[in-house]
Amino acid sequence: MEGDTTPIEYLDKTITFFRENYHKDPQPALLWNLIALRDELVRLKETYKTIREIEGGE
């Protein structure tokens, strides 16, 4: 990963790349797996944030 790019930002860039460069096959399995992984990371990040708020952290 480059510089301060988060895993979610990196996945967003990768997903964008696939969407722009593989338009002949708009639903490749790899693209859908990347999207699912990104969405799961977002959910985990939100859950972690909620837990921290409940525990009185950040």
N, C-alpha and C. Protein backbone atom coordinates (compact mmCIF):
# COMPACT_ATOMS: atom_id res chain seq x y z
N MET A 1 0.84 -1.17 0.00
CA MET A 1 0.00 0.00 0.00
C MET A 1 0.89 1.24 0.00
N GLU A 2 0.36 2.27 -0.57
CA GLU A 2 1.13 3.49 -0.70
C GLU A 2 0.82 4.48 0.43
N GLY A 3 1.86 5.02 1.04
CA GLY A 3 1.71 6.07 2.04
C GLY A 3 0.72 5.78 3.14
N ASP A 4 -0.21 6.72 3.31
CA ASP A 4 -1.19 6.64 4.38
C ASP A 4 -2.53 6.06 3.94
N THR A 5 -2.52 5.31 2.86
CA THR A 5 -3.76 4.72 2.35
C THR A 5 -4.25 3.64 3.30
N THR A 6 -5.52 3.73 3.70
CA THR A 6 -6.10 2.70 4.56
C THR A 6 -6.49 1.50 3.70
N PRO A 7 -6.68 0.33 4.32
CA PRO A 7 -7.11 -0.83 3.55
C PRO A 7 -8.42 -0.58 2.79
N ILE A 8 -9.34 0.15 3.39
CA ILE A 8 -10.62 0.43 2.73
C ILE A 8 -10.41 1.33 1.52
N GLU A 9 -9.57 2.35 1.66
CA GLU A 9 -9.27 3.23 0.53
C GLU A 9 -8.58 2.45 -0.59
N TYR A 10 -7.66 1.57 -0.21
CA TYR A 10 -6.96 0.75 -1.19
C TYR A 10 -7.95 -0.14 -1.95
N LEU A 11 -8.87 -0.76 -1.23
CA LEU A 11 -9.89 -1.59 -1.88
C LEU A 11 -10.78 -0.76 -2.80
N ASP A 12 -11.14 0.45 -2.37
CA ASP A 12 -11.95 1.33 -3.22
C ASP A 12 -11.22 1.62 -4.53
N LYS A 13 -9.92 1.91 -4.45
CA LYS A 13 -9.14 2.18 -5.65
C LYS A 13 -9.06 0.95 -6.55
N THR A 14 -8.88 -0.22 -5.94
CA THR A 14 -8.81 -1.46 -6.71
C THR A 14 -10.14 -1.76 -7.39
N ILE A 15 -11.24 -1.57 -6.68
CA ILE A 15 -12.57 -1.79 -7.24
C ILE A 15 -12.82 -0.84 -8.40
N THR A 16 -12.44 0.42 -8.23
CA THR A 16 -12.59 1.40 -9.31
C THR A 16 -11.78 0.98 -10.52
N PHE A 17 -10.56 0.52 -10.31
CA PHE A 17 -9.72 0.06 -11.41
C PHE A 17 -10.40 -1.08 -12.17
N PHE A 18 -10.91 -2.06 -11.45
CA PHE A 18 -11.58 -3.19 -12.10
C PHE A 18 -12.81 -2.74 -12.87
N ARG A 19 -13.58 -1.83 -12.29
CA ARG A 19 -14.79 -1.35 -12.98
C ARG A 19 -14.44 -0.60 -14.25
N GLU A 20 -13.34 0.15 -14.24
CA GLU A 20 -12.95 0.94 -15.41
C GLU A 20 -12.28 0.10 -16.48
N ASN A 21 -11.60 -0.96 -16.10
CA ASN A 21 -10.79 -1.71 -17.06
C ASN A 21 -11.37 -3.05 -17.47
N TYR A 22 -12.39 -3.50 -16.82
CA TYR A 22 -12.98 -4.79 -17.16
C TYR A 22 -14.46 -4.65 -17.47
N HIS A 23 -14.79 -3.62 -18.27
CA HIS A 23 -16.19 -3.33 -18.59
C HIS A 23 -16.83 -4.37 -19.49
N LYS A 24 -16.03 -5.20 -20.17
CA LYS A 24 -16.60 -6.25 -21.04
C LYS A 24 -17.29 -7.33 -20.20
N ASP A 25 -16.79 -7.56 -19.02
CA ASP A 25 -17.38 -8.54 -18.10
C ASP A 25 -17.66 -7.81 -16.79
N PRO A 26 -18.80 -7.14 -16.69
CA PRO A 26 -19.05 -6.25 -15.56
C PRO A 26 -19.23 -6.93 -14.20
N GLN A 27 -19.31 -8.25 -14.17
CA GLN A 27 -19.53 -8.92 -12.89
C GLN A 27 -18.54 -10.05 -12.62
N PRO A 28 -17.25 -9.79 -12.79
CA PRO A 28 -16.29 -10.87 -12.51
C PRO A 28 -16.30 -11.22 -11.02
N ALA A 29 -16.07 -12.47 -10.73
CA ALA A 29 -16.10 -12.94 -9.34
C ALA A 29 -15.12 -12.17 -8.46
N LEU A 30 -13.95 -11.86 -8.99
CA LEU A 30 -12.96 -11.13 -8.19
C LEU A 30 -13.49 -9.77 -7.77
N LEU A 31 -14.15 -9.07 -8.69
CA LEU A 31 -14.71 -7.76 -8.36
C LEU A 31 -15.72 -7.87 -7.23
N TRP A 32 -16.63 -8.85 -7.34
CA TRP A 32 -17.65 -9.01 -6.30
C TRP A 32 -17.03 -9.39 -4.96
N ASN A 33 -15.96 -10.20 -5.00
CA ASN A 33 -15.28 -10.56 -3.75
C ASN A 33 -14.59 -9.35 -3.13
N LEU A 34 -14.00 -8.49 -3.96
CA LEU A 34 -13.37 -7.27 -3.45
C LEU A 34 -14.40 -6.35 -2.82
N ILE A 35 -15.55 -6.22 -3.46
CA ILE A 35 -16.62 -5.37 -2.92
C ILE A 35 -17.11 -5.93 -1.59
N ALA A 36 -17.29 -7.25 -1.51
CA ALA A 36 -17.75 -7.88 -0.27
C ALA A 36 -16.72 -7.67 0.84
N LEU A 37 -15.44 -7.81 0.51
CA LEU A 37 -14.38 -7.61 1.49
C LEU A 37 -14.37 -6.17 1.99
N ARG A 38 -14.48 -5.22 1.07
CA ARG A 38 -14.51 -3.80 1.45
C ARG A 38 -15.71 -3.51 2.36
N ASP A 39 -16.88 -4.03 1.99
CA ASP A 39 -18.08 -3.80 2.79
C ASP A 39 -17.95 -4.40 4.19
N GLU A 40 -17.33 -5.57 4.27
CA GLU A 40 -17.13 -6.21 5.57
C GLU A 40 -16.15 -5.40 6.42
N LEU A 41 -15.09 -4.88 5.81
CA LEU A 41 -14.15 -4.03 6.55
C LEU A 41 -14.83 -2.77 7.08
N VAL A 42 -15.71 -2.19 6.28
CA VAL A 42 -16.45 -1.00 6.71
C VAL A 42 -17.33 -1.35 7.91
N ARG A 43 -18.03 -2.49 7.85
CA ARG A 43 -18.88 -2.92 8.97
C ARG A 43 -18.05 -3.16 10.23
N LEU A 44 -16.90 -3.81 10.07
CA LEU A 44 -16.04 -4.06 11.23
C LEU A 44 -15.54 -2.76 11.83
N LYS A 45 -15.17 -1.82 10.99
CA LYS A 45 -14.70 -0.52 11.47
C LYS A 45 -15.80 0.20 12.24
N GLU A 46 -17.03 0.16 11.73
CA GLU A 46 -18.15 0.80 12.41
C GLU A 46 -18.46 0.11 13.74
N THR A 47 -18.38 -1.22 13.75
CA THR A 47 -18.62 -1.98 14.98
C THR A 47 -17.57 -1.64 16.02
N TYR A 48 -16.32 -1.59 15.60
CA TYR A 48 -15.22 -1.24 16.51
C TYR A 48 -15.44 0.15 17.09
N LYS A 49 -15.83 1.09 16.23
CA LYS A 49 -16.07 2.46 16.69
C LYS A 49 -17.20 2.50 17.71
N THR A 50 -18.27 1.75 17.46
CA THR A 50 -19.41 1.69 18.37
C THR A 50 -18.99 1.10 19.72
N ILE A 51 -18.22 0.03 19.69
CA ILE A 51 -17.75 -0.61 20.92
C ILE A 51 -16.89 0.37 21.72
N ARG A 52 -16.00 1.09 21.03
CA ARG A 52 -15.15 2.06 21.72
C ARG A 52 -15.98 3.16 22.37
N GLU A 53 -17.04 3.60 21.68
CA GLU A 53 -17.91 4.64 22.24
C GLU A 53 -18.65 4.12 23.47
N ILE A 54 -19.12 2.87 23.42
CA ILE A 54 -19.83 2.28 24.55
C ILE A 54 -18.89 2.13 25.75
N GLU A 55 -17.66 1.75 25.48
CA GLU A 55 -16.68 1.56 26.55
C GLU A 55 -16.14 2.89 27.08
N GLY A 56 -16.51 3.98 26.44
CA GLY A 56 -16.05 5.29 26.90
C GLY A 56 -14.73 5.72 26.31
N GLY A 57 -14.27 5.01 25.31
CA GLY A 57 -13.02 5.39 24.63
C GLY A 57 -13.28 6.50 23.65
N GLU A 58 -12.36 6.71 22.76
CA GLU A 58 -12.36 7.76 21.73
C GLU A 58 -13.72 8.24 21.39
